[in-house]
């Protein structure tokens, strides 16, 4: 029986504009790599899935974690999110929503939310450590790095000089 849903919400303030941050934060492959999430692979023996869904897998501590992923929702340069339904591993469902809201005096309020439903007691015990502590720290460090990268002359030129 699945455990109750847990919700995590973090906010960071960046000096860069949503447009300048978008190429870094919305590059989910890069974000995963930069935050220590193991490599994700497509499951090719799953057969065709409807509506652009994908079956994906990663290995954590040598154990497979597999899920069906809904198509991402992209609203450039302000928001993206995804829903995943897990078939293997300690979770049954995860939803992620990232918002890049312009600050009143420039910059961006970066909001990152995760809703997760553990599959069993092991998941219920692991989620607060893995997501609540490790991911929070890694995600904050990535946002700081991306904010610094977005302020480089090359990034500013590509963004039309918008900070």
N, C-alpha and C. Protein backbone atom coordinates (compact mmCIF):
# COMPACT_ATOMS: atom_id res chain seq x y z
N UNK A 1 0.84 -1.18 0.00
CA UNK A 1 0.00 0.00 0.00
C UNK A 1 0.89 1.25 0.00
N UNK A 2 0.58 2.19 -0.88
CA UNK A 2 1.38 3.41 -0.99
C UNK A 2 1.21 4.28 0.24
N UNK A 3 2.28 4.96 0.57
CA UNK A 3 2.28 5.90 1.69
C UNK A 3 1.65 7.22 1.25
N UNK A 4 1.42 8.11 2.19
CA UNK A 4 0.85 9.42 1.86
C UNK A 4 1.87 10.26 1.09
N UNK A 5 1.34 11.21 0.35
CA UNK A 5 2.18 12.07 -0.48
C UNK A 5 2.96 13.06 0.38
N UNK A 6 4.23 13.26 -0.01
CA UNK A 6 5.09 14.25 0.64
C UNK A 6 5.32 15.39 -0.34
N UNK A 7 5.42 16.59 0.18
CA UNK A 7 5.61 17.77 -0.67
C UNK A 7 6.83 18.56 -0.19
N UNK A 8 7.68 18.93 -1.15
CA UNK A 8 8.85 19.74 -0.87
C UNK A 8 8.79 20.97 -1.76
N UNK A 9 9.10 22.13 -1.16
CA UNK A 9 9.09 23.39 -1.91
C UNK A 9 10.31 24.19 -1.49
N UNK A 10 11.09 24.61 -2.49
CA UNK A 10 12.26 25.43 -2.23
C UNK A 10 12.19 26.67 -3.11
N UNK A 11 12.75 27.75 -2.60
CA UNK A 11 12.84 28.99 -3.37
C UNK A 11 14.23 29.55 -3.23
N UNK A 12 14.73 30.06 -4.35
CA UNK A 12 16.02 30.74 -4.37
C UNK A 12 15.87 32.02 -5.17
N UNK A 13 16.66 33.01 -4.83
CA UNK A 13 16.67 34.26 -5.57
C UNK A 13 17.92 34.31 -6.42
N UNK A 14 17.74 34.55 -7.70
CA UNK A 14 18.87 34.67 -8.63
C UNK A 14 18.92 36.10 -9.15
N UNK A 15 20.11 36.54 -9.48
CA UNK A 15 20.27 37.89 -10.03
C UNK A 15 19.90 37.92 -11.51
N UNK A 16 19.99 36.79 -12.17
CA UNK A 16 19.74 36.72 -13.61
C UNK A 16 18.25 36.67 -13.91
N UNK A 17 17.90 37.04 -15.14
CA UNK A 17 16.51 37.03 -15.58
C UNK A 17 16.04 35.60 -15.84
N UNK A 18 14.73 35.37 -15.87
CA UNK A 18 14.23 34.03 -16.24
C UNK A 18 14.77 33.59 -17.61
N UNK A 19 14.82 34.50 -18.57
CA UNK A 19 15.33 34.16 -19.91
C UNK A 19 16.78 33.71 -19.86
N UNK A 20 17.58 34.36 -19.03
CA UNK A 20 19.00 34.01 -18.93
C UNK A 20 19.20 32.68 -18.21
N UNK A 21 18.35 32.38 -17.22
CA UNK A 21 18.48 31.12 -16.46
C UNK A 21 17.89 29.92 -17.20
N UNK A 22 16.89 30.16 -18.01
CA UNK A 22 16.15 29.08 -18.66
C UNK A 22 17.03 28.03 -19.34
N UNK A 23 18.00 28.41 -20.17
CA UNK A 23 18.78 27.38 -20.87
C UNK A 23 19.54 26.44 -19.93
N UNK A 24 19.82 26.90 -18.74
CA UNK A 24 20.56 26.08 -17.78
C UNK A 24 19.61 25.20 -16.96
N UNK A 25 18.60 25.82 -16.37
CA UNK A 25 17.69 25.09 -15.48
C UNK A 25 16.78 24.15 -16.26
N UNK A 26 16.34 24.56 -17.44
CA UNK A 26 15.41 23.73 -18.21
C UNK A 26 16.11 22.62 -18.98
N UNK A 27 17.42 22.61 -19.00
CA UNK A 27 18.17 21.49 -19.61
C UNK A 27 18.21 20.39 -18.55
N UNK A 28 17.18 19.57 -18.53
CA UNK A 28 17.02 18.59 -17.44
C UNK A 28 18.11 17.54 -17.43
N UNK A 29 18.66 17.19 -18.58
CA UNK A 29 19.79 16.25 -18.59
C UNK A 29 20.98 16.86 -17.86
N UNK A 30 21.29 18.12 -18.16
CA UNK A 30 22.39 18.82 -17.49
C UNK A 30 22.10 18.97 -16.00
N UNK A 31 20.88 19.38 -15.67
CA UNK A 31 20.51 19.58 -14.27
C UNK A 31 20.68 18.27 -13.49
N UNK A 32 20.21 17.16 -14.07
CA UNK A 32 20.35 15.86 -13.40
C UNK A 32 21.83 15.54 -13.17
N UNK A 33 22.64 15.69 -14.21
CA UNK A 33 24.07 15.41 -14.09
C UNK A 33 24.71 16.29 -13.03
N UNK A 34 24.41 17.60 -13.07
CA UNK A 34 25.03 18.55 -12.15
C UNK A 34 24.57 18.38 -10.71
N UNK A 35 23.47 17.70 -10.49
CA UNK A 35 22.96 17.51 -9.13
C UNK A 35 23.15 16.08 -8.62
N UNK A 36 23.89 15.28 -9.37
CA UNK A 36 24.23 13.95 -8.88
C UNK A 36 23.18 12.88 -9.10
N UNK A 37 22.20 13.15 -9.95
CA UNK A 37 21.19 12.13 -10.25
C UNK A 37 21.82 11.15 -11.24
N UNK A 38 21.73 9.85 -10.98
CA UNK A 38 22.36 8.88 -11.88
C UNK A 38 21.84 8.99 -13.31
N UNK A 39 22.65 8.50 -14.24
CA UNK A 39 22.28 8.53 -15.66
C UNK A 39 20.94 7.82 -15.87
N UNK A 40 20.12 8.43 -16.70
CA UNK A 40 18.79 7.89 -17.01
C UNK A 40 18.85 7.27 -18.39
N UNK A 41 18.26 6.08 -18.51
CA UNK A 41 18.24 5.39 -19.80
C UNK A 41 16.81 5.07 -20.19
N UNK A 42 16.59 5.04 -21.48
CA UNK A 42 15.27 4.67 -22.01
C UNK A 42 15.17 3.14 -21.98
N UNK A 43 14.02 2.64 -21.55
CA UNK A 43 13.77 1.20 -21.54
C UNK A 43 13.20 0.86 -22.92
N UNK A 44 13.98 0.12 -23.70
CA UNK A 44 13.59 -0.13 -25.09
C UNK A 44 12.68 -1.35 -25.23
N UNK A 45 12.67 -2.23 -24.25
CA UNK A 45 11.85 -3.44 -24.37
C UNK A 45 10.45 -3.24 -23.79
N UNK A 46 10.06 -1.98 -23.50
CA UNK A 46 8.76 -1.71 -22.88
C UNK A 46 7.62 -1.69 -23.89
N UNK A 47 7.95 -1.65 -25.18
CA UNK A 47 6.90 -1.54 -26.18
C UNK A 47 6.44 -0.10 -26.32
N UNK A 48 5.62 0.17 -27.32
CA UNK A 48 5.17 1.55 -27.55
C UNK A 48 4.22 2.02 -26.44
N UNK A 49 4.36 3.28 -26.08
CA UNK A 49 3.49 3.90 -25.09
C UNK A 49 2.70 5.02 -25.77
N UNK A 50 1.49 5.25 -25.32
CA UNK A 50 0.62 6.24 -25.93
C UNK A 50 1.02 7.67 -25.55
N UNK A 51 0.69 8.61 -26.40
CA UNK A 51 0.78 10.05 -26.12
C UNK A 51 2.17 10.52 -25.70
N UNK A 52 3.19 10.05 -26.39
CA UNK A 52 4.57 10.51 -26.17
C UNK A 52 5.10 10.20 -24.77
N UNK A 53 4.50 9.26 -24.10
CA UNK A 53 5.04 8.84 -22.81
C UNK A 53 6.30 8.03 -23.05
N UNK A 54 7.18 8.02 -22.05
CA UNK A 54 8.42 7.26 -22.16
C UNK A 54 8.60 6.39 -20.94
N UNK A 55 9.21 5.23 -21.15
CA UNK A 55 9.57 4.37 -20.03
C UNK A 55 11.07 4.58 -19.82
N UNK A 56 11.45 4.98 -18.60
CA UNK A 56 12.83 5.32 -18.29
C UNK A 56 13.28 4.57 -17.04
N UNK A 57 14.62 4.54 -16.87
CA UNK A 57 15.18 3.80 -15.74
C UNK A 57 16.50 4.44 -15.33
N UNK A 58 16.78 4.36 -14.04
CA UNK A 58 18.10 4.68 -13.52
C UNK A 58 18.42 3.63 -12.46
N UNK A 59 19.66 3.60 -12.07
CA UNK A 59 20.06 2.67 -11.02
C UNK A 59 20.58 3.48 -9.84
N UNK A 60 20.03 3.20 -8.66
CA UNK A 60 20.44 3.87 -7.44
C UNK A 60 20.89 2.79 -6.48
N UNK A 61 22.13 2.89 -6.03
CA UNK A 61 22.72 1.88 -5.14
C UNK A 61 22.61 0.48 -5.75
N UNK A 62 22.74 0.41 -7.07
CA UNK A 62 22.69 -0.86 -7.79
C UNK A 62 21.30 -1.40 -8.05
N UNK A 63 20.28 -0.71 -7.58
CA UNK A 63 18.91 -1.18 -7.75
C UNK A 63 18.21 -0.37 -8.84
N UNK A 64 17.40 -1.05 -9.68
CA UNK A 64 16.70 -0.32 -10.73
C UNK A 64 15.52 0.48 -10.18
N UNK A 65 15.38 1.68 -10.70
CA UNK A 65 14.22 2.53 -10.44
C UNK A 65 13.66 2.84 -11.82
N UNK A 66 12.43 2.40 -12.07
CA UNK A 66 11.86 2.51 -13.41
C UNK A 66 10.53 3.23 -13.35
N UNK A 67 10.25 4.03 -14.39
CA UNK A 67 9.01 4.80 -14.39
C UNK A 67 8.53 5.06 -15.80
N UNK A 68 7.26 5.40 -15.87
CA UNK A 68 6.65 5.90 -17.10
C UNK A 68 6.51 7.40 -16.91
N UNK A 69 7.04 8.15 -17.87
CA UNK A 69 7.06 9.60 -17.76
C UNK A 69 6.07 10.22 -18.73
N UNK A 70 5.22 11.08 -18.20
CA UNK A 70 4.31 11.85 -19.04
C UNK A 70 5.14 12.89 -19.81
N UNK A 71 4.61 13.43 -20.89
CA UNK A 71 5.33 14.51 -21.58
C UNK A 71 5.50 15.72 -20.65
N UNK A 72 6.65 16.35 -20.74
CA UNK A 72 6.90 17.57 -19.97
C UNK A 72 5.94 18.67 -20.41
N UNK A 73 5.60 19.54 -19.49
CA UNK A 73 4.89 20.78 -19.80
C UNK A 73 5.96 21.87 -19.80
N UNK A 74 6.07 22.60 -20.92
CA UNK A 74 7.08 23.66 -21.06
C UNK A 74 6.38 24.98 -21.33
N UNK A 75 6.66 26.00 -20.55
CA UNK A 75 6.16 27.36 -20.79
C UNK A 75 7.39 28.27 -20.74
N UNK A 76 8.00 28.47 -21.90
CA UNK A 76 9.25 29.24 -21.99
C UNK A 76 9.01 30.69 -21.65
N UNK A 77 9.84 31.34 -20.92
CA UNK A 77 10.94 30.90 -20.06
C UNK A 77 10.53 30.89 -18.59
N UNK A 78 9.33 30.46 -18.31
CA UNK A 78 8.76 30.65 -16.98
C UNK A 78 8.50 29.40 -16.16
N UNK A 79 8.21 28.27 -16.82
CA UNK A 79 7.77 27.11 -16.03
C UNK A 79 7.95 25.83 -16.81
N UNK A 80 8.27 24.76 -16.08
CA UNK A 80 8.19 23.42 -16.66
C UNK A 80 7.88 22.43 -15.55
N UNK A 81 7.31 21.31 -15.97
CA UNK A 81 6.97 20.29 -15.00
C UNK A 81 6.78 18.95 -15.68
N UNK A 82 6.75 17.91 -14.85
CA UNK A 82 6.58 16.55 -15.35
C UNK A 82 5.94 15.68 -14.27
N UNK A 83 5.28 14.62 -14.71
CA UNK A 83 4.70 13.62 -13.80
C UNK A 83 5.30 12.27 -14.18
N UNK A 84 5.70 11.52 -13.17
CA UNK A 84 6.27 10.18 -13.37
C UNK A 84 5.51 9.17 -12.52
N UNK A 85 5.20 8.02 -13.14
CA UNK A 85 4.54 6.91 -12.45
C UNK A 85 5.53 5.76 -12.39
N UNK A 86 5.92 5.38 -11.19
CA UNK A 86 6.98 4.39 -11.00
C UNK A 86 6.44 2.97 -11.00
N UNK A 87 7.17 2.10 -11.69
CA UNK A 87 6.82 0.68 -11.73
C UNK A 87 7.79 -0.16 -10.91
N UNK A 88 8.99 0.38 -10.65
CA UNK A 88 9.98 -0.28 -9.80
C UNK A 88 10.65 0.77 -8.94
N UNK A 89 10.99 0.38 -7.73
CA UNK A 89 11.70 1.29 -6.85
C UNK A 89 10.85 1.72 -5.67
N UNK A 90 11.37 2.67 -4.89
CA UNK A 90 10.72 3.04 -3.63
C UNK A 90 9.57 4.04 -3.76
N UNK A 91 9.25 4.48 -4.99
CA UNK A 91 8.19 5.47 -5.19
C UNK A 91 7.09 4.90 -6.06
N UNK A 92 5.89 5.50 -5.95
CA UNK A 92 4.81 5.18 -6.88
C UNK A 92 4.55 6.33 -7.83
N UNK A 93 4.81 7.57 -7.37
CA UNK A 93 4.54 8.73 -8.22
C UNK A 93 5.40 9.90 -7.78
N UNK A 94 5.78 10.73 -8.77
CA UNK A 94 6.48 11.98 -8.48
C UNK A 94 6.02 13.04 -9.47
N UNK A 95 5.78 14.24 -8.94
CA UNK A 95 5.47 15.39 -9.79
C UNK A 95 6.50 16.46 -9.47
N UNK A 96 6.99 17.13 -10.51
CA UNK A 96 7.96 18.20 -10.35
C UNK A 96 7.44 19.42 -11.08
N UNK A 97 7.57 20.58 -10.44
CA UNK A 97 7.18 21.84 -11.06
C UNK A 97 8.24 22.87 -10.73
N UNK A 98 8.78 23.51 -11.78
CA UNK A 98 9.80 24.54 -11.62
C UNK A 98 9.25 25.84 -12.19
N UNK A 99 9.29 26.91 -11.39
CA UNK A 99 8.83 28.23 -11.81
C UNK A 99 9.99 29.21 -11.78
N UNK A 100 10.08 30.03 -12.81
CA UNK A 100 11.06 31.11 -12.87
C UNK A 100 10.26 32.41 -12.97
N UNK A 101 10.08 33.08 -11.85
CA UNK A 101 9.27 34.29 -11.81
C UNK A 101 10.16 35.52 -11.73
N UNK A 102 9.91 36.51 -12.60
CA UNK A 102 10.71 37.74 -12.55
C UNK A 102 10.57 38.42 -11.20
N UNK A 103 11.70 38.90 -10.67
CA UNK A 103 11.67 39.65 -9.42
C UNK A 103 11.20 41.07 -9.67
N UNK A 104 10.69 41.72 -8.64
CA UNK A 104 10.20 43.09 -8.78
C UNK A 104 11.30 44.06 -9.17
N UNK A 105 12.53 43.79 -8.74
CA UNK A 105 13.66 44.67 -9.04
C UNK A 105 14.67 43.97 -9.95
N UNK A 106 14.17 43.09 -10.79
CA UNK A 106 15.05 42.31 -11.65
C UNK A 106 15.36 40.98 -11.01
N UNK A 107 16.10 40.17 -11.72
CA UNK A 107 16.43 38.86 -11.20
C UNK A 107 15.25 37.90 -11.31
N UNK A 108 15.37 36.79 -10.61
CA UNK A 108 14.37 35.73 -10.71
C UNK A 108 14.16 35.07 -9.36
N UNK A 109 12.92 34.76 -9.09
CA UNK A 109 12.60 33.87 -7.97
C UNK A 109 12.45 32.49 -8.57
N UNK A 110 13.34 31.60 -8.21
CA UNK A 110 13.31 30.23 -8.71
C UNK A 110 12.55 29.39 -7.69
N UNK A 111 11.44 28.82 -8.10
CA UNK A 111 10.66 27.94 -7.23
C UNK A 111 10.75 26.52 -7.75
N UNK A 112 11.05 25.59 -6.87
CA UNK A 112 11.17 24.18 -7.25
C UNK A 112 10.31 23.39 -6.29
N UNK A 113 9.33 22.66 -6.84
CA UNK A 113 8.45 21.85 -6.00
C UNK A 113 8.48 20.39 -6.45
N UNK A 114 8.43 19.52 -5.47
CA UNK A 114 8.37 18.08 -5.71
C UNK A 114 7.28 17.49 -4.83
N UNK A 115 6.38 16.75 -5.46
CA UNK A 115 5.39 15.95 -4.74
C UNK A 115 5.77 14.51 -5.00
N UNK A 116 5.86 13.72 -3.95
CA UNK A 116 6.30 12.34 -4.12
C UNK A 116 5.46 11.43 -3.23
N UNK A 117 5.13 10.28 -3.78
CA UNK A 117 4.37 9.29 -3.03
C UNK A 117 5.23 8.03 -2.90
N UNK A 118 5.74 7.76 -1.69
CA UNK A 118 6.53 6.55 -1.48
C UNK A 118 5.67 5.29 -1.67
N UNK A 119 6.32 4.23 -2.11
CA UNK A 119 5.64 2.95 -2.33
C UNK A 119 5.44 2.20 -1.01
N UNK A 120 6.40 2.31 -0.11
CA UNK A 120 6.39 1.50 1.12
C UNK A 120 7.23 2.20 2.19
N UNK A 121 7.41 1.56 3.30
CA UNK A 121 8.12 2.15 4.44
C UNK A 121 9.55 2.55 4.06
N UNK A 122 10.24 1.73 3.31
CA UNK A 122 11.61 2.07 2.91
C UNK A 122 11.63 3.39 2.14
N UNK A 123 10.70 3.55 1.21
CA UNK A 123 10.60 4.82 0.48
C UNK A 123 10.26 5.96 1.41
N UNK A 124 9.37 5.72 2.35
CA UNK A 124 8.96 6.76 3.31
C UNK A 124 10.15 7.22 4.15
N UNK A 125 11.06 6.30 4.45
CA UNK A 125 12.24 6.66 5.23
C UNK A 125 13.32 7.31 4.37
N UNK A 126 13.44 6.89 3.11
CA UNK A 126 14.50 7.40 2.24
C UNK A 126 14.19 8.77 1.66
N UNK A 127 12.93 9.06 1.36
CA UNK A 127 12.57 10.31 0.69
C UNK A 127 13.00 11.55 1.47
N UNK A 128 12.76 11.66 2.77
CA UNK A 128 13.19 12.87 3.48
C UNK A 128 14.70 13.11 3.42
N UNK A 129 15.47 12.04 3.40
CA UNK A 129 16.93 12.19 3.31
C UNK A 129 17.34 12.50 1.87
N UNK A 130 16.87 11.70 0.94
CA UNK A 130 17.28 11.83 -0.46
C UNK A 130 16.75 13.11 -1.10
N UNK A 131 15.48 13.38 -0.95
CA UNK A 131 14.90 14.57 -1.57
C UNK A 131 14.96 15.76 -0.62
N UNK A 132 14.54 15.55 0.61
CA UNK A 132 14.46 16.65 1.56
C UNK A 132 15.79 17.27 1.94
N UNK A 133 16.86 16.49 1.93
CA UNK A 133 18.17 17.01 2.32
C UNK A 133 19.13 17.04 1.13
N UNK A 134 19.43 15.87 0.55
CA UNK A 134 20.44 15.81 -0.51
C UNK A 134 20.05 16.61 -1.74
N UNK A 135 18.83 16.41 -2.23
CA UNK A 135 18.40 17.14 -3.43
C UNK A 135 18.31 18.64 -3.15
N UNK A 136 17.79 19.01 -2.00
CA UNK A 136 17.69 20.43 -1.67
C UNK A 136 19.06 21.10 -1.77
N UNK A 137 20.08 20.50 -1.18
CA UNK A 137 21.43 21.07 -1.22
C UNK A 137 21.98 21.10 -2.64
N UNK A 138 21.84 19.98 -3.35
CA UNK A 138 22.38 19.90 -4.71
C UNK A 138 21.67 20.87 -5.66
N UNK A 139 20.36 20.99 -5.51
CA UNK A 139 19.60 21.89 -6.38
C UNK A 139 19.97 23.35 -6.10
N UNK A 140 20.13 23.71 -4.82
CA UNK A 140 20.53 25.07 -4.47
C UNK A 140 21.89 25.40 -5.07
N UNK A 141 22.83 24.47 -4.98
CA UNK A 141 24.16 24.70 -5.56
C UNK A 141 24.08 24.85 -7.07
N UNK A 142 23.23 24.07 -7.73
CA UNK A 142 23.08 24.18 -9.18
C UNK A 142 22.49 25.53 -9.57
N UNK A 143 21.50 25.99 -8.83
CA UNK A 143 20.89 27.30 -9.13
C UNK A 143 21.95 28.40 -8.99
N UNK A 144 22.78 28.34 -7.96
CA UNK A 144 23.84 29.35 -7.79
C UNK A 144 24.83 29.31 -8.96
N UNK A 145 25.23 28.09 -9.36
CA UNK A 145 26.16 27.96 -10.50
C UNK A 145 25.54 28.48 -11.77
N UNK A 146 24.28 28.14 -12.02
CA UNK A 146 23.61 28.58 -13.24
C UNK A 146 23.42 30.09 -13.24
N UNK A 147 23.16 30.67 -12.08
CA UNK A 147 23.03 32.12 -12.00
C UNK A 147 24.37 32.78 -12.36
N UNK A 148 25.47 32.22 -11.88
CA UNK A 148 26.79 32.76 -12.22
C UNK A 148 27.07 32.58 -13.72
N UNK A 149 26.73 31.42 -14.27
CA UNK A 149 26.94 31.19 -15.70
C UNK A 149 26.10 32.14 -16.55
N UNK A 150 24.86 32.39 -16.11
CA UNK A 150 23.97 33.27 -16.87
C UNK A 150 24.48 34.71 -16.87
N UNK A 151 25.37 35.06 -15.94
CA UNK A 151 25.90 36.41 -15.86
C UNK A 151 27.18 36.59 -16.68
N UNK A 152 27.67 35.52 -17.31
CA UNK A 152 28.89 35.65 -18.11
C UNK A 152 28.60 36.48 -19.36
N UNK A 153 29.61 37.14 -19.89
CA UNK A 153 29.40 37.95 -21.10
C UNK A 153 28.79 37.15 -22.26
N UNK A 154 29.20 35.89 -22.42
CA UNK A 154 28.66 35.08 -23.51
C UNK A 154 27.16 34.84 -23.33
N UNK A 155 26.75 34.52 -22.11
CA UNK A 155 25.33 34.27 -21.85
C UNK A 155 24.54 35.56 -21.99
N UNK A 156 25.09 36.66 -21.49
CA UNK A 156 24.38 37.94 -21.61
C UNK A 156 24.22 38.34 -23.06
N UNK A 157 25.25 38.12 -23.87
CA UNK A 157 25.15 38.46 -25.30
C UNK A 157 24.08 37.61 -25.97
N UNK A 158 24.03 36.31 -25.63
CA UNK A 158 23.04 35.41 -26.23
C UNK A 158 21.62 35.78 -25.80
N UNK A 159 21.50 36.41 -24.63
CA UNK A 159 20.19 36.79 -24.10
C UNK A 159 19.85 38.24 -24.41
N UNK A 160 20.60 38.88 -25.27
CA UNK A 160 20.32 40.26 -25.61
C UNK A 160 20.69 41.25 -24.52
N UNK A 161 21.59 40.84 -23.63
CA UNK A 161 22.05 41.75 -22.57
C UNK A 161 21.14 41.79 -21.36
N UNK A 162 20.11 40.96 -21.31
CA UNK A 162 19.18 40.96 -20.18
C UNK A 162 19.82 40.23 -19.02
N UNK A 163 19.87 40.86 -17.89
CA UNK A 163 20.44 40.26 -16.68
C UNK A 163 19.30 39.71 -15.90
